[in-house]
Every structure is written in structure tokens, then in C-alpha cells.
PDB file of N, CA and C in Angstrom:
ATOM      1  N   UNK A   1     -10.648  15.094  -8.608  1.00  0.00           N
ATOM      2  CA  UNK A   1     -10.015  14.068  -7.922  1.00  0.00           C
ATOM      3  C   UNK A   1      -9.041  14.809  -6.962  1.00  0.00           C
ATOM      4  N   UNK A   2      -8.823  14.119  -5.860  1.00  0.00           N
ATOM      5  CA  UNK A   2      -7.965  14.607  -4.787  1.00  0.00           C
ATOM      6  C   UNK A   2      -6.532  14.029  -5.098  1.00  0.00           C
ATOM      7  N   UNK A   3      -5.724  14.612  -4.260  1.00  0.00           N
ATOM      8  CA  UNK A   3      -4.294  14.240  -4.612  1.00  0.00           C
ATOM      9  C   UNK A   3      -3.704  13.884  -3.096  1.00  0.00           C
ATOM     10  N   UNK A   4      -2.716  12.930  -3.182  1.00  0.00           N
ATOM     11  CA  UNK A   4      -1.840  12.661  -1.898  1.00  0.00           C
ATOM     12  C   UNK A   4      -0.344  12.745  -2.396  1.00  0.00           C
ATOM     13  N   UNK A   5       0.166  13.589  -1.458  1.00  0.00           N
ATOM     14  CA  UNK A   5       1.733  13.600  -1.597  1.00  0.00           C
ATOM     15  C   UNK A   5       2.441  12.791  -0.595  1.00  0.00           C
ATOM     16  N   UNK A   6       3.274  11.646  -1.322  1.00  0.00           N
ATOM     17  CA  UNK A   6       3.829  10.782  -0.459  1.00  0.00           C
ATOM     18  C   UNK A   6       4.793  11.392   0.472  1.00  0.00           C
ATOM     19  N   UNK A   7       5.037  10.335   1.631  1.00  0.00           N
ATOM     20  CA  UNK A   7       6.069  10.739   2.673  1.00  0.00           C
ATOM     21  C   UNK A   7       6.997   9.562   2.337  1.00  0.00           C
ATOM     22  N   UNK A   8       8.158   9.935   2.862  1.00  0.00           N
ATOM     23  CA  UNK A   8       9.270   8.790   2.629  1.00  0.00           C
ATOM     24  C   UNK A   8       8.914   7.717   3.451  1.00  0.00           C
ATOM     25  N   UNK A   9       8.966   6.387   2.793  1.00  0.00           N
ATOM     26  CA  UNK A   9       8.588   5.219   3.458  1.00  0.00           C
ATOM     27  C   UNK A   9       7.217   4.742   3.252  1.00  0.00           C
ATOM     28  N   UNK A  10       6.397   5.688   2.615  1.00  0.00           N
ATOM     29  CA  UNK A  10       5.086   5.098   2.378  1.00  0.00           C
ATOM     30  C   UNK A  10       4.881   3.915   1.694  1.00  0.00           C
ATOM     31  N   UNK A  11       4.008   3.162   1.754  1.00  0.00           N
ATOM     32  CA  UNK A  11       3.654   2.056   0.810  1.00  0.00           C
ATOM     33  C   UNK A  11       2.261   2.102   0.511  1.00  0.00           C
ATOM     34  N   UNK A  12       1.841   1.411  -0.542  1.00  0.00           N
ATOM     35  CA  UNK A  12       0.415   1.377  -1.067  1.00  0.00           C
ATOM     36  C   UNK A  12      -0.648   1.149  -0.015  1.00  0.00           C
ATOM     37  N   UNK A  13      -0.266   0.089   0.907  1.00  0.00           N
ATOM     38  CA  UNK A  13      -1.603  -0.253   1.824  1.00  0.00           C
ATOM     39  C   UNK A  13      -1.624   0.836   2.917  1.00  0.00           C
ATOM     40  N   UNK A  14      -0.254   1.389   3.266  1.00  0.00           N
ATOM     41  CA  UNK A  14      -0.297   2.505   4.327  1.00  0.00           C
ATOM     42  C   UNK A  14      -1.154   3.663   3.753  1.00  0.00           C
ATOM     43  N   UNK A  15      -0.960   4.013   2.571  1.00  0.00           N
ATOM     44  CA  UNK A  15      -1.534   5.146   1.901  1.00  0.00           C
ATOM     45  C   UNK A  15      -2.869   5.073   1.875  1.00  0.00           C
ATOM     46  N   UNK A  16      -3.346   3.864   1.396  1.00  0.00           N
ATOM     47  CA  UNK A  16      -4.817   3.533   1.446  1.00  0.00           C
ATOM     48  C   UNK A  16      -5.572   3.561   2.941  1.00  0.00           C
ATOM     49  N   UNK A  17      -4.783   3.027   3.719  1.00  0.00           N
ATOM     50  CA  UNK A  17      -5.392   3.005   5.094  1.00  0.00           C
ATOM     51  C   UNK A  17      -5.580   4.579   5.653  1.00  0.00           C
ATOM     52  N   UNK A  18      -4.608   5.405   5.275  1.00  0.00           N
ATOM     53  CA  UNK A  18      -4.604   6.736   5.686  1.00  0.00           C
ATOM     54  C   UNK A  18      -5.820   7.455   4.923  1.00  0.00           C
ATOM     55  N   UNK A  19      -5.963   7.188   3.685  1.00  0.00           N
ATOM     56  CA  UNK A  19      -6.868   7.862   3.030  1.00  0.00           C
ATOM     57  C   UNK A  19      -8.471   7.588   3.246  1.00  0.00           C
ATOM     58  N   UNK A  20      -8.647   6.189   3.619  1.00  0.00           N
ATOM     59  CA  UNK A  20      -9.898   5.612   3.936  1.00  0.00           C
ATOM     60  C   UNK A  20      -9.946   4.962   5.115  1.00  0.00           C
ATOM     61  N   UNK A  21      -9.751   5.476   6.038  1.00  0.00           N
ATOM     62  CA  UNK A  21      -9.738   4.648   7.504  1.00  0.00           C
ATOM     63  C   UNK A  21     -11.021   4.043   7.911  1.00  0.00           C
ATOM     64  N   UNK A  22     -12.107   4.770   7.560  1.00  0.00           N
ATOM     65  CA  UNK A  22     -13.546   4.349   7.949  1.00  0.00           C
ATOM     66  C   UNK A  22     -14.111   3.690   6.653  1.00  0.00           C
ATOM     67  N   UNK A  23     -13.466   3.561   5.613  1.00  0.00           N
ATOM     68  CA  UNK A  23     -14.181   2.905   4.294  1.00  0.00           C
ATOM     69  C   UNK A  23     -13.388   1.771   3.784  1.00  0.00           C
ATOM     70  N   UNK A  24     -12.737   0.910   4.593  1.00  0.00           N
ATOM     71  CA  UNK A  24     -12.172  -0.252   4.257  1.00  0.00           C
ATOM     72  C   UNK A  24     -10.662  -0.263   4.217  1.00  0.00           C
ATOM     73  N   UNK A  25     -10.105   1.260   4.181  1.00  0.00           N
ATOM     74  CA  UNK A  25      -8.738   1.192   4.209  1.00  0.00           C
ATOM     75  C   UNK A  25      -7.889   0.475   3.044  1.00  0.00           C
ATOM     76  N   UNK A  26      -6.970  -0.432   3.450  1.00  0.00           N
ATOM     77  CA  UNK A  26      -6.226  -1.110   2.530  1.00  0.00           C
ATOM     78  C   UNK A  26      -7.049  -2.096   1.510  1.00  0.00           C
ATOM     79  N   UNK A  27      -8.319  -1.988   1.845  1.00  0.00           N
ATOM     80  CA  UNK A  27      -9.260  -2.911   1.075  1.00  0.00           C
ATOM     81  C   UNK A  27      -9.396  -2.283  -0.311  1.00  0.00           C
ATOM     82  N   UNK A  28      -9.129  -0.832  -0.450  1.00  0.00           N
ATOM     83  CA  UNK A  28      -9.259  -0.117  -1.449  1.00  0.00           C
ATOM     84  C   UNK A  28      -8.042   0.033  -2.356  1.00  0.00           C
ATOM     85  N   UNK A  29      -7.106  -0.795  -1.832  1.00  0.00           N
ATOM     86  CA  UNK A  29      -5.596  -0.686  -2.556  1.00  0.00           C
ATOM     87  C   UNK A  29      -5.620  -0.728  -4.078  1.00  0.00           C
ATOM     88  N   UNK A  30      -6.409  -1.505  -4.545  1.00  0.00           N
ATOM     89  CA  UNK A  30      -6.487  -1.753  -6.064  1.00  0.00           C
ATOM     90  C   UNK A  30      -6.957  -0.560  -6.872  1.00  0.00           C
ATOM     91  N   UNK A  31      -7.966   0.109  -6.205  1.00  0.00           N
ATOM     92  CA  UNK A  31      -8.510   1.447  -6.808  1.00  0.00           C
ATOM     93  C   UNK A  31      -7.325   2.348  -6.814  1.00  0.00           C
ATOM     94  N   UNK A  32      -6.561   2.501  -5.663  1.00  0.00           N
ATOM     95  CA  UNK A  32      -5.451   3.557  -5.737  1.00  0.00           C
ATOM     96  C   UNK A  32      -4.359   3.163  -6.762  1.00  0.00           C
ATOM     97  N   UNK A  33      -4.094   2.067  -6.827  1.00  0.00           N
ATOM     98  CA  UNK A  33      -3.042   1.769  -7.820  1.00  0.00           C
ATOM     99  C   UNK A  33      -3.348   1.836  -9.207  1.00  0.00           C
ATOM    100  N   UNK A  34      -4.622   1.564  -9.637  1.00  0.00           N
ATOM    101  CA  UNK A  34      -5.265   1.573 -10.910  1.00  0.00           C
ATOM    102  C   UNK A  34      -5.325   3.140 -11.259  1.00  0.00           C
ATOM    103  N   UNK A  35      -5.375   4.207 -10.201  1.00  0.00           N
ATOM    104  CA  UNK A  35      -5.467   5.475 -10.493  1.00  0.00           C
ATOM    105  C   UNK A  35      -4.176   6.034 -10.606  1.00  0.00           C
ATOM    106  N   UNK A  36      -3.112   5.187 -10.437  1.00  0.00           N
ATOM    107  CA  UNK A  36      -1.666   5.723 -10.542  1.00  0.00           C
ATOM    108  C   UNK A  36      -0.820   4.595 -11.102  1.00  0.00           C
ATOM    109  N   UNK A  37      -1.178   4.092 -12.226  1.00  0.00           N
ATOM    110  CA  UNK A  37      -0.389   3.105 -12.922  1.00  0.00           C
ATOM    111  C   UNK A  37       1.054   3.191 -13.141  1.00  0.00           C
ATOM    112  N   UNK A  38       1.426   4.539 -13.485  1.00  0.00           N
ATOM    113  CA  UNK A  38       2.787   5.001 -13.590  1.00  0.00           C
ATOM    114  C   UNK A  38       3.788   4.620 -12.522  1.00  0.00           C
ATOM    115  N   UNK A  39       3.076   4.452 -11.199  1.00  0.00           N
ATOM    116  CA  UNK A  39       3.942   4.105  -9.948  1.00  0.00           C
ATOM    117  C   UNK A  39       3.670   2.703  -9.535  1.00  0.00           C
ATOM    118  N   UNK A  40       2.997   1.825 -10.283  1.00  0.00           N
ATOM    119  CA  UNK A  40       2.743   0.603  -9.772  1.00  0.00           C
ATOM    120  C   UNK A  40       3.960  -0.427  -9.374  1.00  0.00           C
ATOM    121  N   UNK A  41       5.143   0.073  -9.975  1.00  0.00           N
ATOM    122  CA  UNK A  41       6.117  -0.687  -9.584  1.00  0.00           C
ATOM    123  C   UNK A  41       6.871  -0.335  -8.199  1.00  0.00           C
ATOM    124  N   UNK A  42       6.420   0.737  -7.653  1.00  0.00           N
ATOM    125  CA  UNK A  42       7.062   1.143  -6.332  1.00  0.00           C
ATOM    126  C   UNK A  42       6.350   0.295  -5.326  1.00  0.00           C
ATOM    127  N   UNK A  43       7.357   0.036  -4.401  1.00  0.00           N
ATOM    128  CA  UNK A  43       6.827  -0.881  -3.187  1.00  0.00           C
ATOM    129  C   UNK A  43       6.967   0.093  -1.904  1.00  0.00           C
ATOM    130  N   UNK A  44       8.056   0.913  -1.981  1.00  0.00           N
ATOM    131  CA  UNK A  44       8.204   1.809  -0.826  1.00  0.00           C
ATOM    132  C   UNK A  44       8.422   3.247  -1.517  1.00  0.00           C
ATOM    133  N   UNK A  45       7.859   4.367  -1.125  1.00  0.00           N
ATOM    134  CA  UNK A  45       7.802   5.464  -1.946  1.00  0.00           C
ATOM    135  C   UNK A  45       8.791   6.476  -1.404  1.00  0.00           C
ATOM    136  N   UNK A  46       9.552   7.118  -2.213  1.00  0.00           N
ATOM    137  CA  UNK A  46      10.261   8.304  -1.610  1.00  0.00           C
ATOM    138  C   UNK A  46       9.308   9.567  -1.411  1.00  0.00           C
ATOM    139  N   UNK A  47       9.753  10.584  -0.642  1.00  0.00           N
ATOM    140  CA  UNK A  47       8.807  11.566  -0.347  1.00  0.00           C
ATOM    141  C   UNK A  47       8.582  12.468  -1.563  1.00  0.00           C
ATOM    142  N   UNK A  48       7.541  13.069  -1.603  1.00  0.00           N
ATOM    143  CA  UNK A  48       7.075  13.907  -2.631  1.00  0.00           C
ATOM    144  C   UNK A  48       6.415  13.496  -3.958  1.00  0.00           C
ATOM    145  N   UNK A  49       6.176  12.234  -4.199  1.00  0.00           N
ATOM    146  CA  UNK A  49       5.238  11.903  -5.336  1.00  0.00           C
ATOM    147  C   UNK A  49       3.865  12.234  -5.167  1.00  0.00           C
ATOM    148  N   UNK A  50       3.275  12.822  -6.149  1.00  0.00           N
ATOM    149  CA  UNK A  50       1.777  13.094  -6.010  1.00  0.00           C
ATOM    150  C   UNK A  50       1.045  12.111  -6.809  1.00  0.00           C
ATOM    151  N   UNK A  51       0.101  11.466  -5.990  1.00  0.00           N
ATOM    152  CA  UNK A  51      -0.751  10.408  -6.315  1.00  0.00           C
ATOM    153  C   UNK A  51      -2.150  10.964  -6.598  1.00  0.00           C
ATOM    154  N   UNK A  52      -2.936  10.366  -7.508  1.00  0.00           N
ATOM    155  CA  UNK A  52      -4.327  10.694  -7.570  1.00  0.00           C
ATOM    156  C   UNK A  52      -5.099   9.879  -6.701  1.00  0.00           C
ATOM    157  N   UNK A  53      -6.103  10.500  -6.045  1.00  0.00           N
ATOM    158  CA  UNK A  53      -6.777   9.638  -5.110  1.00  0.00           C
ATOM    159  C   UNK A  53      -8.254   9.544  -5.779  1.00  0.00           C
ATOM    160  N   UNK A  54      -8.599   8.211  -6.205  1.00  0.00           N
ATOM    161  CA  UNK A  54      -9.991   8.128  -6.798  1.00  0.00           C
ATOM    162  C   UNK A  54     -10.978   8.247  -5.704  1.00  0.00           C
ATOM    163  N   UNK A  55     -12.073   8.566  -6.360  1.00  0.00           N
ATOM    164  CA  UNK A  55     -13.510   8.535  -5.467  1.00  0.00           C
ATOM    165  C   UNK A  55     -13.956   6.929  -5.397  1.00  0.00           C
ATOM    166  N   UNK A  56     -14.190   6.810  -4.233  1.00  0.00           N
ATOM    167  CA  UNK A  56     -14.795   5.230  -4.263  1.00  0.00           C
ATOM    168  C   UNK A  56     -16.249   5.274  -4.617  1.00  0.00           C
ATOM    169  N   UNK A  57     -16.525   4.341  -5.500  1.00  0.00           N
ATOM    170  CA  UNK A  57     -17.832   4.087  -5.978  1.00  0.00           C
ATOM    171  C   UNK A  57     -18.818   3.659  -4.764  1.00  0.00           C
ATOM    172  N   UNK A  58     -20.086   3.842  -5.058  1.00  0.00           N
ATOM    173  CA  UNK A  58     -21.118   3.146  -4.055  1.00  0.00           C
ATOM    174  C   UNK A  58     -21.031   1.716  -3.687  1.00  0.00           C
ATOM    175  N   UNK A  59     -20.556   0.962  -4.610  1.00  0.00           N
ATOM    176  CA  UNK A  59     -20.486  -0.597  -4.403  1.00  0.00           C
ATOM    177  C   UNK A  59     -19.329  -0.699  -3.497  1.00  0.00           C
ATOM    178  N   UNK A  60     -18.362  -0.128  -3.653  1.00  0.00           N
ATOM    179  CA  UNK A  60     -17.297  -0.242  -2.797  1.00  0.00           C
ATOM    180  C   UNK A  60     -17.564   0.151  -1.454  1.00  0.00           C
ATOM    181  N   UNK A  61     -18.146   1.408  -1.088  1.00  0.00           N
ATOM    182  CA  UNK A  61     -18.455   1.965   0.117  1.00  0.00           C
ATOM    183  C   UNK A  61     -19.423   1.032   0.751  1.00  0.00           C
ATOM    184  N   UNK A  62     -20.367   0.468   0.048  1.00  0.00           N
ATOM    185  CA  UNK A  62     -21.573  -0.345   0.727  1.00  0.00           C
ATOM    186  C   UNK A  62     -20.966  -1.792   0.841  1.00  0.00           C
ATOM    187  N   UNK A  63     -19.927  -2.131   0.574  1.00  0.00           N
ATOM    188  CA  UNK A  63     -19.554  -3.379   0.789  1.00  0.00           C
ATOM    189  C   UNK A  63     -18.689  -3.695   2.208  1.00  0.00           C
ATOM    190  N   UNK A  64     -18.621  -2.595   2.785  1.00  0.00           N
ATOM    191  CA  UNK A  64     -17.874  -2.538   4.100  1.00  0.00           C
ATOM    192  C   UNK A  64     -18.892  -2.922   5.194  1.00  0.00           C
ATOM    193  N   UNK A  65     -18.277  -3.739   6.054  1.00  0.00           N
ATOM    194  CA  UNK A  65     -19.313  -4.269   7.142  1.00  0.00           C
ATOM    195  C   UNK A  65     -19.806  -3.108   8.007  1.00  0.00           C
ATOM    196  N   UNK A  66     -20.901  -3.076   8.626  1.00  0.00           N
ATOM    197  CA  UNK A  66     -21.451  -2.049   9.167  1.00  0.00           C
ATOM    198  C   UNK A  66     -20.723  -1.681  10.355  1.00  0.00           C
ATOM    199  N   UNK A  67     -19.931  -2.689  10.977  1.00  0.00           N
ATOM    200  CA  UNK A  67     -19.073  -2.341  12.123  1.00  0.00           C
ATOM    201  C   UNK A  67     -17.656  -1.534  11.814  1.00  0.00           C
ATOM    202  N   UNK A  68     -17.548  -1.461  10.582  1.00  0.00           N
ATOM    203  CA  UNK A  68     -16.323  -0.679  10.133  1.00  0.00           C
ATOM    204  C   UNK A  68     -16.821   0.720   9.482  1.00  0.00           C
ATOM    205  N   UNK A  69     -17.959   0.888   9.367  1.00  0.00           N
ATOM    206  CA  UNK A  69     -18.393   2.230   8.774  1.00  0.00           C
ATOM    207  C   UNK A  69     -18.392   3.384   9.675  1.00  0.00           C
TER     208      UNK A  69
END
């Protein structure tokens, strides 16, 4: 599993967009939060928190419209 180290001011949707820009970005927000439940209460992150980045399953990747792939 990959990791992402937060930057000051990061939010869940910003992180998801950075991690998966061509795979739906913030649409995968739920997967990111579920992989990091201990930080689910954060709205705005401080710098330096290490988050686990889940691999997107085939269903999630295939549900993206062709013009977004």
C-alpha cells in the first residue's frame, strides 16, 4: 500500500484529487477515508500525517466516464 504525507491545509477531497487525477479524483474520497479511519474527524490536516493510500479496485476504475480516463 502506498502512503501520502499531508501538507498543511490538505483536505480529504484535495488529497484524493492529487492521488487519482485521472481516476475520478475526489470521487474516490470514501475509499481514502475508510483506509484511514483514525483520521476521519479531520477536516483540514496539519503537515506530516502519513495516510495509507488504497489501491482502487477494478469496479471503481471502470466506473469513470471515458472522457475522464
